[in-house]
Protein backbone atom coordinates (compact mmCIF):
# COMPACT_ATOMS: atom_id res chain seq x y z
CA MET A 1 7.84 -17.97 -13.00
CA VAL A 2 10.21 -20.71 -11.80
CA ASN A 3 12.78 -19.84 -14.46
CA GLY A 4 12.57 -16.17 -13.48
CA LEU A 5 13.18 -17.00 -9.81
CA VAL A 6 16.12 -19.26 -10.70
CA ILE A 7 17.68 -16.53 -12.85
CA ALA A 8 17.15 -13.93 -10.11
CA ALA A 9 18.69 -16.24 -7.50
CA ALA A 10 21.67 -16.95 -9.78
CA ILE A 11 22.25 -13.22 -10.34
CA ILE A 12 22.12 -12.51 -6.60
CA ILE A 13 24.54 -15.37 -5.79
CA ALA A 14 26.91 -14.22 -8.52
CA TRP A 15 26.73 -10.65 -7.23
CA PHE A 16 27.60 -11.66 -3.65
CA ALA A 17 30.48 -13.79 -4.93
CA PHE A 18 31.73 -10.81 -6.93
CA ILE A 19 31.44 -8.55 -3.86
CA ILE A 20 33.44 -11.00 -1.69
CA ILE A 21 36.20 -11.31 -4.30
CA VAL A 22 36.64 -7.59 -5.01
CA LYS A 23 36.55 -6.75 -1.30
CA LYS A 24 39.13 -9.39 -0.40
CA LYS A 25 41.51 -8.49 -3.23
CA LYS A 26 40.81 -4.73 -3.13
CA LEU A 27 40.40 -4.72 -6.90
CA LEU A 28 38.25 -1.59 -7.19
CA GLU A 29 39.81 0.80 -4.69
CA ARG A 30 42.01 2.34 -7.39
CA TYR A 31 38.78 3.47 -9.08
CA ASN A 32 37.42 5.09 -5.88
CA ILE A 33 34.87 2.25 -5.53
CA THR A 34 34.37 0.85 -2.05
CA VAL A 35 32.33 -2.09 -0.79
CA TYR A 36 29.61 -1.26 1.72
CA GLY A 37 27.72 -4.42 2.70
CA PRO A 38 26.09 -5.77 -0.48
CA PHE A 39 26.58 -2.41 -2.25
CA LEU A 40 29.33 -0.80 -4.27
CA MET A 41 29.79 2.93 -3.73
CA TRP A 42 31.60 4.85 -6.45
CA ARG A 43 32.85 8.25 -5.33
CA THR A 44 33.82 10.96 -7.78
CA GLN A 45 34.59 14.65 -7.81
CA GLY A 46 32.58 14.97 -11.01
CA GLY A 47 29.24 16.66 -10.70
CA LYS A 48 30.39 19.29 -8.23
CA ASP A 49 30.19 21.94 -10.92
CA MET A 50 26.57 21.01 -11.59
CA ILE A 51 25.72 21.26 -7.88
CA GLU A 52 27.49 24.61 -7.76
CA TRP A 53 25.54 25.89 -10.77
CA LEU A 54 22.21 24.65 -9.43
CA SER A 55 22.82 26.33 -6.06
CA ARG A 56 23.43 29.81 -7.52
CA PRO A 57 19.91 31.21 -7.05
CA ALA A 58 20.61 31.05 -3.31
CA ARG A 59 17.65 33.25 -2.36
CA PHE A 60 15.25 30.87 -4.12
CA TRP A 61 16.74 27.87 -2.36
CA ARG A 62 16.51 29.53 1.06
CA VAL A 63 12.80 30.19 0.49
CA TYR A 64 12.43 26.63 -0.78
CA ALA A 65 14.21 25.35 2.33
CA GLY A 66 11.84 27.33 4.55
CA ILE A 67 8.85 25.70 2.82
CA SER A 68 10.61 22.34 3.13
CA LEU A 69 10.89 22.75 6.89
CA VAL A 70 7.13 23.23 7.14
CA ILE A 71 6.47 20.21 4.88
CA VAL A 72 8.79 17.94 6.87
CA PHE A 73 7.47 18.93 10.29
CA VAL A 74 3.88 18.36 9.08
CA ALA A 75 4.96 14.99 7.63
CA MET A 76 6.83 14.17 10.87
CA PHE A 77 3.73 14.75 13.01
CA SER A 78 1.44 12.96 10.53
CA MET A 79 3.67 9.87 10.27
CA PHE A 80 4.04 9.59 14.04
CA ALA A 81 0.26 9.89 14.48
CA LEU A 82 -0.25 7.27 11.74
CA LEU A 83 2.11 4.83 13.47
CA VAL A 84 0.30 5.26 16.78
CA TRP A 85 -3.07 4.73 15.06
CA GLU A 86 -1.82 1.60 13.27
CA VAL A 87 -0.65 0.13 16.57
CA THR A 88 -4.19 0.52 17.98
CA LEU A 89 -5.39 -1.74 15.14
CA VAL A 90 -2.97 -4.56 15.99
CA PRO A 91 -5.32 -6.31 18.50
CA ASN A 92 -7.88 -6.74 15.69
CA ILE A 93 -5.44 -8.33 13.22
CA PRO A 94 -5.52 -12.16 13.20
CA ALA A 95 -2.14 -13.86 13.57
CA GLU A 96 -2.47 -15.42 10.10
CA SER A 97 -2.94 -11.93 8.59
CA ALA A 98 0.15 -10.43 10.27
CA PRO A 99 2.49 -8.71 7.79
CA SER A 100 5.79 -10.45 7.14
CA PRO A 101 9.07 -8.74 8.13
CA VAL A 102 10.02 -8.19 4.46
CA MET A 103 7.03 -5.82 4.19
CA LEU A 104 9.07 -3.33 6.24
CA LEU A 105 11.80 -3.26 3.59
CA GLY A 106 11.34 -0.89 0.68
CA ILE A 107 13.58 -2.95 -1.58
CA PRO A 108 12.27 -3.88 -5.04
CA GLY A 109 12.16 -7.62 -5.57
CA ILE A 110 12.41 -8.38 -1.84
CA ASN A 111 9.27 -6.62 -0.69
CA PRO A 112 6.58 -8.60 -2.57
CA LEU A 113 4.49 -5.46 -3.09
CA ILE A 114 7.20 -3.58 -4.98
CA PRO A 115 7.70 -4.84 -8.56
CA ILE A 116 11.38 -5.08 -9.29
CA TRP A 117 11.74 -2.90 -12.42
CA TYR A 118 9.15 -0.27 -11.57
CA GLY A 119 10.56 -0.31 -8.04
CA ILE A 120 14.15 0.23 -9.17
CA LEU A 121 13.07 3.14 -11.38
CA GLY A 122 11.11 4.78 -8.57
CA LEU A 123 13.86 4.19 -6.01
CA VAL A 124 16.59 5.60 -8.28
CA VAL A 125 14.55 8.75 -8.92
CA ALA A 126 13.80 9.10 -5.20
CA ILE A 127 17.43 8.71 -4.11
CA VAL A 128 18.78 11.05 -6.80
CA VAL A 129 16.38 13.93 -6.05
CA HIS A 130 16.83 13.39 -2.30
CA GLU A 131 20.62 13.50 -2.38
CA PHE A 132 20.91 16.31 -4.90
CA ALA A 133 18.56 18.43 -2.79
CA HIS A 134 20.87 17.87 0.19
CA GLY A 135 23.87 18.76 -1.97
CA ILE A 136 22.38 22.00 -3.29
CA LEU A 137 21.51 23.29 0.19
CA THR A 138 24.93 22.24 1.43
CA ARG A 139 26.50 24.63 -1.07
CA VAL A 140 23.88 27.34 -0.42
CA GLY A 141 25.06 27.20 3.21
CA ASN A 142 28.68 27.56 2.01
CA MET A 143 29.66 24.08 3.19
CA ALA A 144 32.00 21.86 1.23
CA ILE A 145 30.99 18.69 -0.61
CA LYS A 146 33.54 15.90 -0.28
CA ALA A 147 32.28 13.74 -3.14
CA LEU A 148 29.35 12.64 -5.24
CA GLY A 149 28.71 9.11 -6.34
CA LEU A 150 26.58 6.18 -7.37
CA ILE A 151 25.40 3.15 -5.41
CA PHE A 152 25.26 -0.21 -7.21
CA ALA A 153 23.61 -3.50 -6.28
CA VAL A 154 23.79 -5.43 -9.57
CA VAL A 155 22.26 -2.32 -11.19
CA PRO A 156 22.56 1.37 -10.21
CA MET A 157 20.37 1.92 -7.14
CA GLY A 158 20.81 5.68 -6.77
CA ALA A 159 23.15 8.56 -6.17
CA PHE A 160 24.56 10.21 -3.10
CA VAL A 161 26.12 13.53 -2.17
CA GLU A 162 28.65 13.35 0.65
CA PRO A 163 28.94 16.63 2.57
CA ASP A 164 31.86 17.58 4.74
CA GLU A 165 30.67 16.24 8.11
CA ASP A 166 32.79 18.69 10.13
CA ALA A 167 31.39 21.65 8.19
CA LEU A 168 27.84 20.35 8.63
CA ARG A 169 28.35 19.89 12.37
CA THR A 170 29.86 23.34 12.95
CA THR A 171 27.58 25.42 10.71
CA SER A 172 24.64 27.37 12.09
CA LYS A 173 21.60 25.41 13.25
CA LYS A 174 19.49 27.14 10.60
CA ASN A 175 21.80 26.01 7.78
CA ARG A 176 21.93 22.48 9.12
CA MET A 177 18.15 22.20 9.46
CA ARG A 178 17.72 23.45 5.91
CA VAL A 179 20.05 20.74 4.60
CA TYR A 180 18.19 18.01 6.49
CA ALA A 181 14.74 19.27 5.48
CA VAL A 182 15.13 19.60 1.72
CA GLY A 183 15.83 15.90 1.08
CA PRO A 184 12.54 14.42 2.34
CA ALA A 185 10.56 17.53 1.34
CA THR A 186 11.81 17.30 -2.25
CA ASN A 187 10.77 13.64 -2.37
CA ILE A 188 7.27 14.61 -1.21
CA ILE A 189 7.03 17.46 -3.73
CA VAL A 190 8.24 15.20 -6.58
CA ALA A 191 5.70 12.58 -5.47
CA PHE A 192 2.84 15.07 -5.81
CA LEU A 193 4.06 16.25 -9.23
CA PHE A 194 4.15 12.69 -10.55
CA VAL A 195 0.82 11.70 -9.06
CA LEU A 196 -0.77 14.69 -10.81
CA ILE A 197 0.71 13.57 -14.14
CA PHE A 198 -0.39 9.97 -13.46
CA SER A 199 -3.95 10.81 -12.42
CA GLN A 200 -4.79 13.77 -14.64
CA ALA A 201 -2.67 13.39 -17.79
CA MET A 202 -2.54 9.58 -18.13
CA VAL A 203 -5.40 7.70 -16.50
CA THR A 204 -8.03 10.20 -17.69
CA GLN A 205 -7.24 8.99 -21.21
CA ALA A 206 -8.33 5.38 -20.52
CA ALA A 207 -11.86 4.00 -20.83
CA PRO A 208 -13.44 0.55 -20.21
CA ILE A 209 -14.21 -1.58 -23.27
CA TYR A 210 -17.20 -3.28 -21.57
CA GLU A 211 -19.43 -2.59 -18.62
CA GLY A 212 -19.64 -5.21 -15.90
CA PRO A 213 -17.91 -5.93 -12.57
CA VAL A 214 -14.29 -7.05 -12.59
CA ILE A 215 -13.06 -9.76 -10.23
CA MET A 216 -10.22 -8.45 -8.05
CA ASN A 217 -9.92 -11.42 -5.67
CA ASN A 218 -11.68 -14.65 -4.75
CA VAL A 219 -11.91 -17.11 -1.89
CA ASP A 220 -10.63 -20.68 -1.83
CA ASP A 221 -13.27 -23.36 -2.41
CA ALA A 222 -15.83 -20.77 -3.51
CA PRO A 223 -17.43 -21.02 -6.98
CA ALA A 224 -15.29 -18.38 -8.73
CA GLN A 225 -12.03 -19.93 -7.56
CA LEU A 226 -13.16 -23.47 -8.44
CA ALA A 227 -14.12 -22.32 -11.95
CA ASP A 228 -10.81 -20.48 -12.42
CA LEU A 229 -12.50 -17.07 -12.55
CA GLY A 230 -9.80 -14.90 -11.02
CA TYR A 231 -8.18 -11.49 -11.04
CA GLY A 232 -9.10 -9.47 -14.13
CA CYS A 233 -12.10 -11.52 -15.28
CA GLN A 234 -14.93 -9.13 -16.20
CA ILE A 235 -18.40 -10.58 -15.72
CA LEU A 236 -20.72 -9.72 -18.63
CA SER A 237 -23.79 -11.90 -18.01
CA ILE A 238 -25.22 -14.70 -15.86
CA ASP A 239 -27.47 -17.19 -17.70
CA GLY A 240 -27.86 -14.67 -20.52
CA VAL A 241 -28.90 -11.76 -18.25
CA ASN A 242 -26.52 -8.81 -18.58
CA VAL A 243 -24.58 -7.76 -15.49
CA THR A 244 -23.63 -4.12 -15.97
CA ASP A 245 -22.80 -2.80 -12.51
CA LEU A 246 -22.54 -3.68 -8.82
CA ASP A 247 -26.28 -3.29 -8.29
CA SER A 248 -27.16 -5.86 -10.98
CA TRP A 249 -24.40 -8.10 -9.57
CA ALA A 250 -25.88 -7.92 -6.04
CA ASN A 251 -29.39 -8.62 -7.39
CA VAL A 252 -28.45 -11.17 -10.04
CA THR A 253 -31.25 -13.55 -11.01
CA ALA A 254 -29.85 -16.92 -10.04
CA PRO A 255 -31.08 -20.39 -9.05
CA ALA A 256 -30.60 -21.97 -5.62
CA ALA A 257 -27.10 -22.17 -4.18
CA GLY A 258 -25.12 -25.08 -5.56
CA SER A 259 -26.89 -25.02 -8.95
CA LEU A 260 -24.99 -24.43 -12.17
CA VAL A 261 -25.19 -21.14 -14.09
CA ASN A 262 -23.58 -20.05 -17.34
CA VAL A 263 -21.20 -17.14 -16.80
CA THR A 264 -20.09 -15.02 -19.78
CA TYR A 265 -16.94 -13.03 -19.08
CA PHE A 266 -14.21 -10.99 -20.78
CA LEU A 267 -10.58 -11.99 -20.28
CA GLU A 268 -7.35 -11.20 -22.13
CA GLY A 269 -9.18 -9.60 -25.06
CA LYS A 270 -11.69 -12.41 -25.57
CA VAL A 271 -15.32 -13.01 -24.55
CA ARG A 272 -15.59 -16.47 -22.98
CA SER A 273 -18.18 -18.52 -21.07
CA LYS A 274 -18.26 -21.44 -18.67
CA GLU A 275 -20.56 -23.19 -16.20
CA VAL A 276 -20.09 -22.14 -12.59
CA PHE A 277 -21.77 -23.17 -9.34
CA SER A 278 -24.08 -20.39 -8.18
CA GLY A 279 -24.33 -19.08 -4.63
CA VAL A 280 -23.38 -16.43 -2.08
CA ALA A 281 -20.09 -17.48 -0.47
CA LEU A 282 -18.70 -16.44 2.90
CA THR A 283 -15.48 -14.55 2.24
CA SER A 284 -14.37 -13.81 5.81
CA LEU A 285 -15.65 -14.44 9.33
CA SER A 286 -14.81 -12.85 12.68
CA LYS A 287 -13.79 -15.19 15.47
CA GLY A 288 -16.02 -15.00 18.53
CA LEU A 289 -19.10 -14.06 16.51
CA PRO A 290 -22.07 -16.33 15.63
CA ALA A 291 -21.12 -17.53 12.15
CA TYR A 292 -17.58 -18.59 13.05
CA ASP A 293 -18.58 -20.09 16.39
CA SER A 294 -21.32 -22.16 14.72
CA GLY A 295 -18.77 -23.80 12.40
CA MET A 296 -19.15 -21.69 9.26
CA ARG A 297 -15.95 -21.02 7.33
CA SER A 298 -14.86 -19.02 4.29
CA GLY A 299 -15.80 -20.60 0.96
CA MET A 300 -19.06 -22.06 2.25
CA LEU A 301 -22.30 -21.07 0.51
CA MET A 302 -25.25 -19.62 2.43
CA ALA A 303 -28.18 -21.53 0.88
CA SER A 304 -30.90 -20.27 3.23
CA LEU A 305 -31.25 -18.15 6.34
CA ASN A 306 -34.32 -17.73 8.55
CA ASP A 307 -36.20 -19.96 6.07
CA THR A 308 -35.44 -17.54 3.20
CA LEU A 309 -33.75 -18.89 0.05
CA ILE A 310 -30.45 -17.05 -0.59
CA THR A 311 -29.65 -16.71 -4.30
CA ASN A 312 -27.80 -13.37 -4.37
CA GLU A 313 -26.18 -10.87 -2.03
CA ASN A 314 -29.34 -8.77 -1.74
CA ASP A 315 -31.30 -11.83 -0.55
CA LEU A 316 -28.84 -12.34 2.30
CA SER A 317 -28.88 -8.66 3.26
CA GLU A 318 -32.69 -8.55 3.30
CA ALA A 319 -32.97 -11.81 5.25
CA LEU A 320 -30.61 -10.52 7.96
CA GLY A 321 -32.49 -7.20 7.99
CA LEU A 322 -35.66 -9.03 9.04
CA THR A 323 -34.03 -10.71 12.07
CA LEU A 324 -33.69 -9.55 15.66
CA PRO A 325 -30.61 -9.47 17.90
CA PHE A 326 -30.03 -12.78 19.73
CA GLN A 327 -32.68 -14.52 17.62
CA THR A 328 -32.07 -18.18 16.78
CA VAL A 329 -32.61 -18.74 13.06
CA ASN A 330 -32.57 -21.76 10.76
CA VAL A 331 -29.69 -21.95 8.28
CA THR A 332 -28.62 -24.18 5.42
CA VAL A 333 -24.94 -24.00 4.52
CA LEU A 334 -23.15 -25.80 1.67
CA GLN A 335 -19.50 -26.81 1.50
CA TRP A 336 -17.41 -27.91 -1.48
CA ASP A 337 -16.69 -31.65 -1.50
CA ALA A 338 -13.72 -32.50 -3.71
CA GLY A 339 -14.58 -36.20 -3.75
CA SER A 340 -18.02 -35.74 -5.31
CA GLU A 341 -17.04 -32.47 -7.01
CA ASP A 342 -20.22 -30.87 -5.72
CA TYR A 343 -21.48 -28.64 -2.94
CA LEU A 344 -23.00 -30.64 -0.08
CA VAL A 345 -25.05 -29.53 2.93
CA VAL A 346 -22.94 -29.10 6.06
CA ALA A 347 -24.38 -31.69 8.44
CA GLY A 348 -25.27 -30.54 11.94
CA LEU A 349 -25.22 -26.85 11.06
CA THR A 350 -28.94 -26.11 11.04
CA GLN A 351 -29.34 -23.20 13.46
CA VAL A 352 -27.38 -20.19 14.65
CA THR A 353 -28.10 -17.62 17.35
CA LEU A 354 -27.45 -14.12 16.05
CA ASP A 355 -25.67 -11.28 17.82
CA SER A 356 -26.52 -7.54 17.90
CA ARG A 357 -25.32 -5.46 14.96
CA LYS A 358 -25.62 -2.28 17.03
CA ALA A 359 -23.48 -3.71 19.83
CA TYR A 360 -20.85 -4.80 17.29
CA LEU A 361 -20.67 -1.32 15.74
CA GLU A 362 -20.40 0.38 19.14
CA ASP A 363 -17.73 -2.06 20.34
CA ASN A 364 -15.64 -1.25 17.27
CA GLY A 365 -15.78 2.53 17.63
CA PHE A 366 -18.50 3.41 15.12
CA ASP A 367 -20.90 6.27 15.84
CA VAL A 368 -24.37 4.71 16.03
CA PRO A 369 -27.42 7.07 15.80
CA SER A 370 -29.83 6.95 18.74
CA ASP A 371 -32.67 5.91 16.39
CA TYR A 372 -30.64 3.05 14.84
CA GLN A 373 -32.87 0.01 14.17
CA ASP A 374 -30.94 -2.92 15.57
CA VAL A 375 -30.95 -6.25 13.69
CA GLY A 376 -29.35 -9.66 13.98
CA PHE A 377 -25.65 -9.97 13.21
CA LEU A 378 -23.69 -12.99 11.93
CA GLY A 379 -20.16 -11.54 11.78
CA ILE A 380 -19.47 -12.35 8.11
CA ASN A 381 -18.47 -10.81 4.82
CA SER A 382 -19.92 -12.43 1.73
CA ALA A 383 -19.91 -12.17 -2.04
CA TYR A 384 -21.73 -13.81 -4.93
CA LEU A 385 -19.52 -16.62 -6.26
CA GLY A 386 -17.04 -15.67 -3.51
CA ALA A 387 -15.60 -12.98 -5.79
CA GLY A 388 -14.64 -9.47 -4.71
CA VAL A 389 -15.48 -7.17 -7.61
CA LEU A 390 -15.10 -3.57 -8.74
CA GLU A 391 -16.65 -1.73 -11.67
CA PRO A 392 -14.03 -0.78 -14.29
CA GLU A 393 -15.16 2.85 -14.17
CA THR A 394 -14.64 2.79 -10.38
CA ILE A 395 -11.09 1.52 -10.90
CA LEU A 396 -10.32 4.52 -13.10
CA LEU A 397 -12.11 6.98 -10.79
CA SER A 398 -10.17 5.69 -7.80
CA MET A 399 -7.01 6.72 -9.67
CA THR A 400 -8.18 10.05 -11.09
CA ASN A 401 -10.46 11.36 -8.33
CA PRO A 402 -9.88 9.55 -5.02
CA TYR A 403 -11.49 12.35 -2.99
CA ARG A 404 -14.81 12.42 -4.86
CA ASN A 405 -16.75 11.11 -1.84
CA ALA A 406 -14.69 12.78 0.90
CA GLU A 407 -16.81 15.00 3.14
CA SER A 408 -14.57 15.35 6.19
CA ALA A 409 -10.92 15.43 7.21
CA GLY A 410 -11.20 11.77 8.19
CA ASP A 411 -12.59 10.88 4.76
CA PHE A 412 -9.71 12.77 3.14
CA VAL A 413 -7.13 10.84 5.19
CA MET A 414 -8.75 7.47 4.45
CA ALA A 415 -8.97 8.27 0.72
CA SER A 416 -5.25 9.15 0.73
CA LEU A 417 -4.38 5.89 2.49
CA ARG A 418 -6.44 3.91 -0.05
CA TYR A 419 -4.58 5.63 -2.88
CA ILE A 420 -1.24 4.65 -1.37
CA ALA A 421 -2.59 1.12 -0.81
CA PHE A 422 -3.17 0.39 -4.53
CA PRO A 423 -0.38 -2.25 -4.53
CA PHE A 424 -2.21 -4.11 -1.72
CA ILE A 425 -5.45 -4.44 -3.72
CA GLY A 426 -4.10 -5.29 -7.15
CA LEU A 427 -4.36 -1.81 -8.68
CA SER A 428 -0.64 -1.19 -9.18
CA PRO A 429 0.99 -2.12 -11.33
CA ILE A 430 -1.93 -2.46 -13.73
CA GLN A 431 -0.97 -5.39 -15.93
CA SER A 432 -2.50 -8.29 -17.81
CA PRO A 433 -5.28 -9.35 -17.54
CA LEU A 434 -6.61 -6.13 -15.95
CA ALA A 435 -4.85 -3.92 -18.49
CA GLU A 436 -6.76 -5.41 -21.44
CA LEU A 437 -10.12 -4.30 -20.01
CA PHE A 438 -9.41 -0.73 -21.12
CA GLU A 439 -8.65 1.20 -24.29
CA THR A 440 -6.86 4.49 -24.84
CA THR A 441 -8.86 7.58 -25.77
CA GLY A 442 -8.39 11.31 -26.28
CA PHE A 443 -4.93 12.59 -27.13
CA LEU A 444 -3.44 9.16 -26.30
CA ALA A 445 -5.77 7.16 -28.58
CA TRP A 446 -2.81 6.38 -30.84
CA MET A 447 -0.97 4.56 -28.05
CA SER A 448 -1.32 0.80 -27.48
CA ILE A 449 -2.90 -0.13 -24.16
CA GLY A 450 0.21 -2.09 -23.17
CA THR A 451 2.50 0.91 -23.63
CA PHE A 452 -0.06 3.13 -21.92
CA TRP A 453 -0.06 1.10 -18.72
CA ILE A 454 3.72 0.71 -18.67
CA ILE A 455 4.08 4.52 -18.68
CA ALA A 456 1.24 4.95 -16.17
CA ASN A 457 2.77 2.34 -13.84
CA CYS A 458 6.16 4.08 -14.03
CA LEU A 459 4.56 7.37 -13.01
CA TYR A 460 2.68 5.78 -10.11
CA TRP A 461 5.75 4.00 -8.73
CA ILE A 462 7.90 7.13 -8.98
CA PHE A 463 5.16 8.84 -6.96
CA TRP A 464 4.86 5.94 -4.49
CA LEU A 465 8.53 5.46 -3.73
CA ASN A 466 9.27 9.19 -3.54
CA LEU A 467 6.42 9.53 -1.07
CA MET A 468 7.63 6.56 0.99
CA VAL A 469 11.24 7.79 1.02
CA GLY A 470 10.12 11.32 1.93
CA LEU A 471 7.70 10.30 4.68
CA THR A 472 10.04 7.69 6.15
CA ASN A 473 12.93 10.14 6.28
CA ALA A 474 10.66 12.68 7.99
CA LEU A 475 10.24 10.41 11.02
CA PRO A 476 11.87 11.91 14.15
CA ALA A 477 14.28 9.01 14.57
CA VAL A 478 18.06 9.18 14.18
CA PRO A 479 19.73 8.46 11.73
CA LEU A 480 16.87 9.67 9.50
CA ASP A 481 16.79 13.30 8.36
CA GLY A 482 13.75 13.90 10.56
CA GLY A 483 15.69 12.61 13.55
CA TYR A 484 18.44 15.19 13.10
CA LEU A 485 15.86 17.90 12.49
CA PHE A 486 14.08 16.92 15.69
CA LYS A 487 17.37 17.04 17.63
CA ASP A 488 18.14 20.55 16.45
CA ALA A 489 14.58 21.72 17.13
CA MET A 490 14.57 20.08 20.56
CA GLY A 491 17.93 21.70 21.32
CA SER A 492 16.35 25.12 20.77
CA VAL A 493 13.39 24.20 23.00
CA VAL A 494 15.63 22.94 25.83
CA ALA A 495 17.83 26.04 25.55
CA LYS A 496 14.79 28.28 26.06
CA LEU A 497 13.33 26.23 28.91
CA ARG A 498 16.61 25.55 30.74
CA LYS A 499 18.65 28.68 30.17
CA GLY A 500 21.18 28.00 32.93
CA LEU A 501 22.31 24.65 31.55
CA SER A 502 25.72 24.18 30.03
CA GLU A 503 25.91 23.17 26.38
CA GLU A 504 27.14 19.72 27.40
CA ALA A 505 24.19 19.16 29.76
CA ARG A 506 21.75 20.47 27.16
CA ASN A 507 23.12 18.14 24.49
CA ARG A 508 22.89 15.23 26.90
CA ILE A 509 19.18 15.90 27.52
CA VAL A 510 18.50 16.27 23.79
CA ASP A 511 20.37 13.02 23.05
CA GLN A 512 18.36 11.15 25.68
CA ILE A 513 15.04 12.46 24.35
CA SER A 514 16.01 11.70 20.74
CA MET A 515 17.20 8.21 21.61
CA ALA A 516 14.00 7.43 23.53
CA LEU A 517 11.85 8.69 20.64
CA SER A 518 13.89 6.70 18.12
CA PHE A 519 13.37 3.49 20.10
CA LEU A 520 9.66 4.27 20.49
CA ILE A 521 9.27 4.69 16.71
CA LEU A 522 11.21 1.47 16.09
CA PHE A 523 8.86 -0.32 18.51
CA LEU A 524 5.75 1.15 16.82
CA ILE A 525 6.98 -0.14 13.47
CA LEU A 526 8.04 -3.60 14.64
CA TRP A 527 4.92 -4.14 16.74
CA GLN A 528 2.81 -4.10 13.57
CA VAL A 529 4.68 -7.27 12.53
CA ILE A 530 5.11 -8.89 15.96
CA GLY A 531 1.92 -7.84 17.75
CA PRO A 532 -0.66 -9.74 15.65
CA ARG A 533 1.21 -12.99 16.28
CA PHE A 534 0.23 -12.77 19.95
CA ASN A 535 -3.50 -12.52 19.11
C-alpha cells in the first residue's frame, strides 16, 4: 500500500513538473495541445467526418433529443428534490461522520470511493458519450464544430467536442436546448444499459460457495475486530453449530458475554477457525439517549439487561421488548481491557433509565400505528461479535433485483439510492476477499471468478459514473448543461408572463433567477459537508 502511494505521488509530482515546463516553454502548441490547469487538451479537426456521418439520420436524432429533454427535466427536478431532502438530514449527522470535501469530487484516485482504474474507465466512457452526443446534435442543428479533442491528466481522461459558440448562441432556442439536453440524457441512458448488463447478464451467473453470513464491517474493540475477523470473512459455525443465515446468527447458541467460542469461517478460499470472545457488542449509540448518557460506548458488550443474560442478538431484543418506557433496569456491561487482554465489567454502570421507543419513532418522522405497543428504548445499534453481516445470497440479490421488496414509490426511491450507494457499503468494487466467496455458473461457468468480478466491476462503474455525470449535469446551475437548459426554459416563461418587457430586461431577469438558483444549489451541496460540523 505504501509503495503504491509513493509511486502515485511520484507520478503526480512528475506530471505537474511536466505541465509547468511545457507551459512555460510552449513546447506543445505546435501540435495543437494547450495546457488547461493540470490538464492537456489536444484539439484536432479529425473526427468531424464521423460526427457528420453519425448525425445523418437527423429525424431520429430530433426525436431522441425530444426524449432527452424529458429525461433531463425529470432528472433536474429529482436531483434538486434530493439535495433539499439531504439537507434536512444534516442536523442528524454527527460532526465526526461529516463527509470530507474530497467526497464532492468525482475524480478517480482523489475521491476515496472511486477506485482509480475502474473510475478512469467509467469517466472516459461518460465523457466520450456526453461530448459526442453534444456534437451530433450540434450538426443536426446545422451548427459548426470548431474542433474535437482529447483531455489528458497523465492518462487520457476523456474527449470533447467544441461547438462554434457564436452559432450556438444565435441558433433557435429549440436547437440550443436539444444540444444541451442530449449530453446528460445520453449518460443516463448509457448508465441504464450498463446496469442491465451488470445485473442481468453478469451477476445472475454467480453463486455462493457456502451458506453463512459474511462480515461487511466491524467495530473497534469488539470481538470480531480483536480477533481479526473483518470484511469478507464468512461465518460457517460457532462452537460446531452451523450458522447458515441471519436468523441462526441472531439466535446463535453461545455462552455468557466475554467467554471464548470457536468460530469456523471461510476466507480467501480456505476454511479456518479461531477462538473469539463471545457477546453482543454495541455498534453505535445516539447522543442524548439513555445508553450514551449512561456511559455506554461502541465496542462494549451487553452482558445482561433487566436481569436477563444476553448471549445473542435475539436475547437483547426480547429483553428490551419486556421493558416499559422510562423504566429503570439493571445492566451489566463489559469493556475490552488491553492490559489484561480480557473483557472486564464497567464499574459504576449498573442501572439505566430507558426512554420511549414510540416517542423516538415519532420524533424522527416515522408513522406509528395507534395500537403500537410502546416499550423501553436504549438508543443503540448492536451486533453479535460487533460484526455487521449480510448473507451472500442477499449480496447477489441486492445487485440483480434491488426492487424485490419495494411496495411504494418511497421504497422504489430508497432501493435506487441503496443501489447507487454500493461503494459506501463495500459492495463495489467486489474484490478479494469478498470475491472468493462466489463461483461462476451458467454460461459463464468457464470463467475464473477473478476475471468475472473484474468485468462485473467495470460494468458497474461505467453505470455509476455515467449516472453521476448525467445527473450532475442535469442540475439547473450554470455552467452545467441543466443550468443553460433552465435559462432557456425560464426565458420562455418570462416572455409569456411579461410580454411588454424588452429582450434586455427579460434576459436580466432570467440571469438573476439563474444566478440565485445556481448559488442555492451550491449551498445545498456544500452544506452537506459544512453543516454537520456545527452539530
